[in-house]
Amino acid sequence: MTYLPVEQLIFRADSLSAKFKQGGESSYIDEAIDLDREALELCPPGHPMRSVSLIYLAAHLGGRYDQLGATRDLEEAIVFNREALNLCPQGHPHRPMSLNNLALHLSNRYGQLGEMQDLDEAIVLEVFSLCSQGHPHQSTTSGNLAAHLSSRYNRLGAVQDLDEAIVLDREALNLLPQGHPLRPMLLNNLGLYLSSRYDQLGALQDLEGAIVLDREA
């Protein structure tokens, strides 16, 4: 036990997580998660920092899953994210982030297990996140929602999902200036969506659009 205040525990954990993401040893993220758990123990139900503590613990568990692939980390991240979301009602400043994080973890579980209910819930959560007032990362959320809809199209073949993915990806691109680091990924994704719709419907403008985007990306 370090016996630090909650805020300092969370700050130190996030610093260690950042080192891990930059190519550091797995011991960094392990220590970060231990500190997050310690912070959560100091935040019983009703504590004003409990939602924040849950959000960081879930995020760091998700980050370890992304790199090391331990299913238990993903399952825990989903459980902690659900609790965090329940503590963030409409209008809460952390609600959009909680919605988006839970959606991403459910989408990851769908990619691992293939359960449609996880993908469907991820889509609903991203929609709620976009509808939250003052969303600080609208372009990222629009791009994530587009990717989830494309995944559902690939599974079920509903062209409406692909149409919505294209609209959302274009909206995300319009929110980002030239040179933004997320633009290449969004351009590439949009090109893939247009190419898929061309394969489905045969509209030449979709094929031409995909070629232009591929060159720009």
Protein backbone atom coordinates (compact mmCIF):
# COMPACT_ATOMS: atom_id res chain seq x y z
CA MET A 1 0.00 0.00 0.00
CA THR A 2 1.27 3.47 -0.88
CA TYR A 3 -1.11 5.48 1.34
CA LEU A 4 -1.35 8.31 -1.20
CA PRO A 5 -4.51 10.40 -1.77
CA VAL A 6 -6.86 9.08 -4.45
CA GLU A 7 -5.98 11.82 -6.94
CA GLN A 8 -2.25 11.10 -6.66
CA LEU A 9 -2.79 7.36 -7.03
CA ILE A 10 -4.78 7.90 -10.22
CA PHE A 11 -2.24 10.39 -11.59
CA ARG A 12 0.66 8.02 -10.93
CA ALA A 13 -1.25 5.12 -12.46
CA ASP A 14 -2.00 7.11 -15.60
CA SER A 15 1.66 8.15 -15.91
CA LEU A 16 2.73 4.51 -15.72
CA SER A 17 0.10 3.54 -18.28
CA ALA A 18 1.47 6.20 -20.65
CA LYS A 19 4.98 4.74 -20.29
CA PHE A 20 3.60 1.30 -21.11
CA LYS A 21 1.85 2.61 -24.24
CA GLN A 22 5.13 4.17 -25.37
CA GLY A 23 6.78 0.76 -25.45
CA GLY A 24 7.60 0.27 -21.80
CA GLU A 25 7.71 -2.98 -19.87
CA SER A 26 4.47 -4.73 -18.93
CA SER A 27 5.41 -4.08 -15.29
CA TYR A 28 4.39 -0.45 -15.87
CA ILE A 29 0.78 -1.30 -16.68
CA ASP A 30 0.67 -3.96 -13.97
CA GLU A 31 1.72 -1.38 -11.38
CA ALA A 32 -0.73 1.16 -12.83
CA ILE A 33 -3.62 -1.26 -12.39
CA ASP A 34 -2.51 -2.12 -8.85
CA LEU A 35 -2.55 1.61 -8.02
CA ASP A 36 -5.98 1.99 -9.67
CA ARG A 37 -7.34 -0.84 -7.53
CA GLU A 38 -5.89 0.81 -4.44
CA ALA A 39 -7.56 4.09 -5.41
CA LEU A 40 -10.89 2.32 -5.91
CA GLU A 41 -10.67 0.77 -2.44
CA LEU A 42 -10.44 4.32 -1.08
CA CYS A 43 -13.64 5.28 -2.96
CA PRO A 44 -16.56 3.29 -1.51
CA PRO A 45 -20.06 3.75 -2.95
CA GLY A 46 -21.07 7.37 -2.56
CA HIS A 47 -17.53 8.72 -2.70
CA PRO A 48 -17.29 11.67 -5.16
CA MET A 49 -14.18 10.19 -6.84
CA ARG A 50 -15.59 6.68 -7.36
CA SER A 51 -16.70 7.24 -10.97
CA VAL A 52 -13.32 8.70 -11.93
CA SER A 53 -11.49 5.84 -10.23
CA LEU A 54 -13.63 3.29 -12.07
CA ILE A 55 -13.06 5.02 -15.43
CA TYR A 56 -9.27 4.96 -15.07
CA LEU A 57 -9.14 1.38 -13.81
CA ALA A 58 -11.32 0.22 -16.70
CA ALA A 59 -9.26 2.19 -19.22
CA HIS A 60 -5.97 0.73 -17.98
CA LEU A 61 -7.37 -2.80 -17.94
CA GLY A 62 -8.56 -2.23 -21.50
CA GLY A 63 -5.12 -0.94 -22.45
CA ARG A 64 -3.48 -4.06 -21.06
CA TYR A 65 -5.96 -6.22 -22.94
CA ASP A 66 -5.18 -4.38 -26.19
CA GLN A 67 -1.48 -5.18 -25.81
CA LEU A 68 -1.45 -8.55 -24.07
CA GLY A 69 -4.85 -10.05 -24.94
CA ALA A 70 -5.93 -11.37 -21.53
CA THR A 71 -9.69 -11.90 -21.71
CA ARG A 72 -10.07 -11.40 -17.96
CA ASP A 73 -8.82 -7.81 -18.33
CA LEU A 74 -11.47 -7.11 -20.96
CA GLU A 75 -14.24 -8.63 -18.86
CA GLU A 76 -13.20 -6.58 -15.83
CA ALA A 77 -13.00 -3.42 -17.94
CA ILE A 78 -16.59 -3.95 -19.06
CA VAL A 79 -17.82 -4.51 -15.49
CA PHE A 80 -16.06 -1.40 -14.14
CA ASN A 81 -17.19 0.70 -17.10
CA ARG A 82 -20.81 -0.28 -16.52
CA GLU A 83 -20.59 0.80 -12.90
CA ALA A 84 -18.91 4.07 -13.91
CA LEU A 85 -21.65 4.77 -16.44
CA ASN A 86 -24.33 4.19 -13.82
CA LEU A 87 -22.66 6.90 -11.73
CA CYS A 88 -22.66 9.40 -14.63
CA PRO A 89 -26.25 10.52 -15.36
CA GLN A 90 -27.29 12.77 -18.22
CA GLY A 91 -25.31 15.99 -18.12
CA HIS A 92 -22.42 14.53 -16.16
CA PRO A 93 -19.09 15.65 -17.68
CA HIS A 94 -17.74 12.08 -17.75
CA ARG A 95 -20.82 10.49 -19.35
CA PRO A 96 -19.68 10.77 -23.01
CA MET A 97 -16.32 9.22 -22.18
CA SER A 98 -17.96 6.43 -20.16
CA LEU A 99 -20.34 5.63 -23.01
CA ASN A 100 -17.55 5.63 -25.56
CA ASN A 101 -15.19 3.51 -23.45
CA LEU A 102 -17.83 0.88 -22.73
CA ALA A 103 -18.75 0.76 -26.42
CA LEU A 104 -15.12 0.16 -27.40
CA HIS A 105 -14.69 -2.64 -24.87
CA LEU A 106 -17.90 -4.33 -26.01
CA SER A 107 -16.76 -4.01 -29.61
CA ASN A 108 -13.47 -5.67 -28.67
CA ARG A 109 -15.36 -8.52 -27.03
CA TYR A 110 -17.48 -8.87 -30.15
CA GLY A 111 -14.28 -9.15 -32.18
CA GLN A 112 -13.10 -11.89 -29.84
CA LEU A 113 -16.31 -13.87 -29.25
CA GLY A 114 -18.60 -12.81 -32.11
CA GLU A 115 -21.68 -12.20 -29.95
CA MET A 116 -24.02 -9.85 -31.84
CA GLN A 117 -25.51 -8.46 -28.64
CA ASP A 118 -22.13 -6.92 -27.80
CA LEU A 119 -21.90 -5.19 -31.19
CA ASP A 120 -25.51 -4.02 -31.05
CA GLU A 121 -25.00 -2.57 -27.56
CA ALA A 122 -21.77 -0.88 -28.65
CA ILE A 123 -23.67 0.84 -31.48
CA VAL A 124 -26.43 2.04 -29.14
CA LEU A 125 -23.88 3.38 -26.65
CA GLU A 126 -21.98 5.30 -29.34
CA VAL A 127 -25.26 6.85 -30.51
CA PHE A 128 -26.00 7.96 -26.94
CA SER A 129 -22.46 9.31 -26.68
CA LEU A 130 -22.90 11.40 -29.83
CA CYS A 131 -26.18 12.77 -28.47
CA SER A 132 -24.55 13.92 -25.23
CA GLN A 133 -24.38 17.68 -25.01
CA GLY A 134 -20.96 19.21 -25.35
CA HIS A 135 -19.30 16.01 -26.59
CA PRO A 136 -15.55 16.76 -26.56
CA HIS A 137 -14.49 14.05 -29.03
CA GLN A 138 -17.27 13.97 -31.60
CA SER A 139 -15.01 13.11 -34.53
CA THR A 140 -13.56 10.08 -32.73
CA THR A 141 -16.98 8.85 -31.64
CA SER A 142 -18.43 9.31 -35.13
CA GLY A 143 -15.54 7.33 -36.56
CA ASN A 144 -15.97 4.57 -33.96
CA LEU A 145 -19.70 4.35 -34.61
CA ALA A 146 -19.03 4.15 -38.34
CA ALA A 147 -16.62 1.26 -37.74
CA HIS A 148 -19.16 -0.60 -35.57
CA LEU A 149 -21.88 -0.16 -38.20
CA SER A 150 -19.51 -1.42 -40.88
CA SER A 151 -18.78 -4.49 -38.75
CA ARG A 152 -22.51 -5.17 -38.45
CA TYR A 153 -22.89 -4.74 -42.21
CA ASN A 154 -20.12 -7.28 -42.76
CA ARG A 155 -21.95 -9.71 -40.48
CA LEU A 156 -25.58 -9.15 -41.52
CA GLY A 157 -25.38 -7.44 -44.92
CA ALA A 158 -27.82 -4.58 -44.21
CA VAL A 159 -26.89 -1.78 -46.64
CA GLN A 160 -28.48 0.79 -44.30
CA ASP A 161 -25.66 0.16 -41.81
CA LEU A 162 -23.09 0.78 -44.54
CA ASP A 163 -24.87 3.96 -45.67
CA GLU A 164 -24.85 5.29 -42.09
CA ALA A 165 -21.18 4.37 -41.68
CA ILE A 166 -20.30 6.42 -44.76
CA VAL A 167 -22.26 9.45 -43.55
CA LEU A 168 -20.70 9.28 -40.08
CA ASP A 169 -17.16 8.85 -41.38
CA ARG A 170 -17.60 11.89 -43.63
CA GLU A 171 -18.90 13.89 -40.67
CA ALA A 172 -15.87 12.85 -38.63
CA LEU A 173 -13.51 13.92 -41.42
CA ASN A 174 -15.24 17.29 -41.74
CA LEU A 175 -14.51 17.96 -38.06
CA LEU A 176 -10.76 17.40 -38.46
CA PRO A 177 -8.33 19.84 -40.06
CA GLN A 178 -5.75 18.84 -42.65
CA GLY A 179 -2.76 17.21 -40.99
CA HIS A 180 -4.71 15.79 -38.05
CA PRO A 181 -3.27 12.39 -37.07
CA LEU A 182 -6.68 10.67 -37.25
CA ARG A 183 -7.41 11.75 -40.84
CA PRO A 184 -5.45 8.96 -42.60
CA MET A 185 -7.34 6.25 -40.69
CA LEU A 186 -10.72 7.86 -41.36
CA LEU A 187 -9.88 8.37 -45.04
CA ASN A 188 -8.83 4.74 -45.35
CA ASN A 189 -11.99 3.53 -43.59
CA LEU A 190 -14.24 5.68 -45.75
CA GLY A 191 -12.56 4.31 -48.86
CA LEU A 192 -13.22 0.77 -47.65
CA TYR A 193 -16.88 1.55 -46.92
CA LEU A 194 -17.38 3.06 -50.36
CA SER A 195 -15.64 0.10 -51.99
CA SER A 196 -17.92 -2.29 -50.08
CA ARG A 197 -21.00 -0.39 -51.21
CA TYR A 198 -19.74 -0.46 -54.79
CA ASP A 199 -19.38 -4.24 -54.54
CA GLN A 200 -22.94 -4.43 -53.22
CA LEU A 201 -24.73 -1.92 -55.42
CA GLY A 202 -22.38 -1.26 -58.35
CA ALA A 203 -22.55 2.56 -58.24
CA LEU A 204 -19.51 3.82 -60.15
CA GLN A 205 -19.30 7.00 -58.07
CA ASP A 206 -18.60 4.89 -54.98
CA LEU A 207 -15.69 3.19 -56.73
CA GLU A 208 -14.32 6.51 -57.96
CA GLY A 209 -14.68 7.99 -54.48
CA ALA A 210 -12.82 5.05 -52.96
CA ILE A 211 -9.93 5.53 -55.41
CA VAL A 212 -9.66 9.24 -54.64
CA LEU A 213 -9.68 8.59 -50.88
CA ASP A 214 -7.06 5.88 -51.19
CA ARG A 215 -4.73 8.35 -52.89
CA GLU A 216 -5.42 11.05 -50.28
CA ALA A 217 -4.85 8.70 -47.35
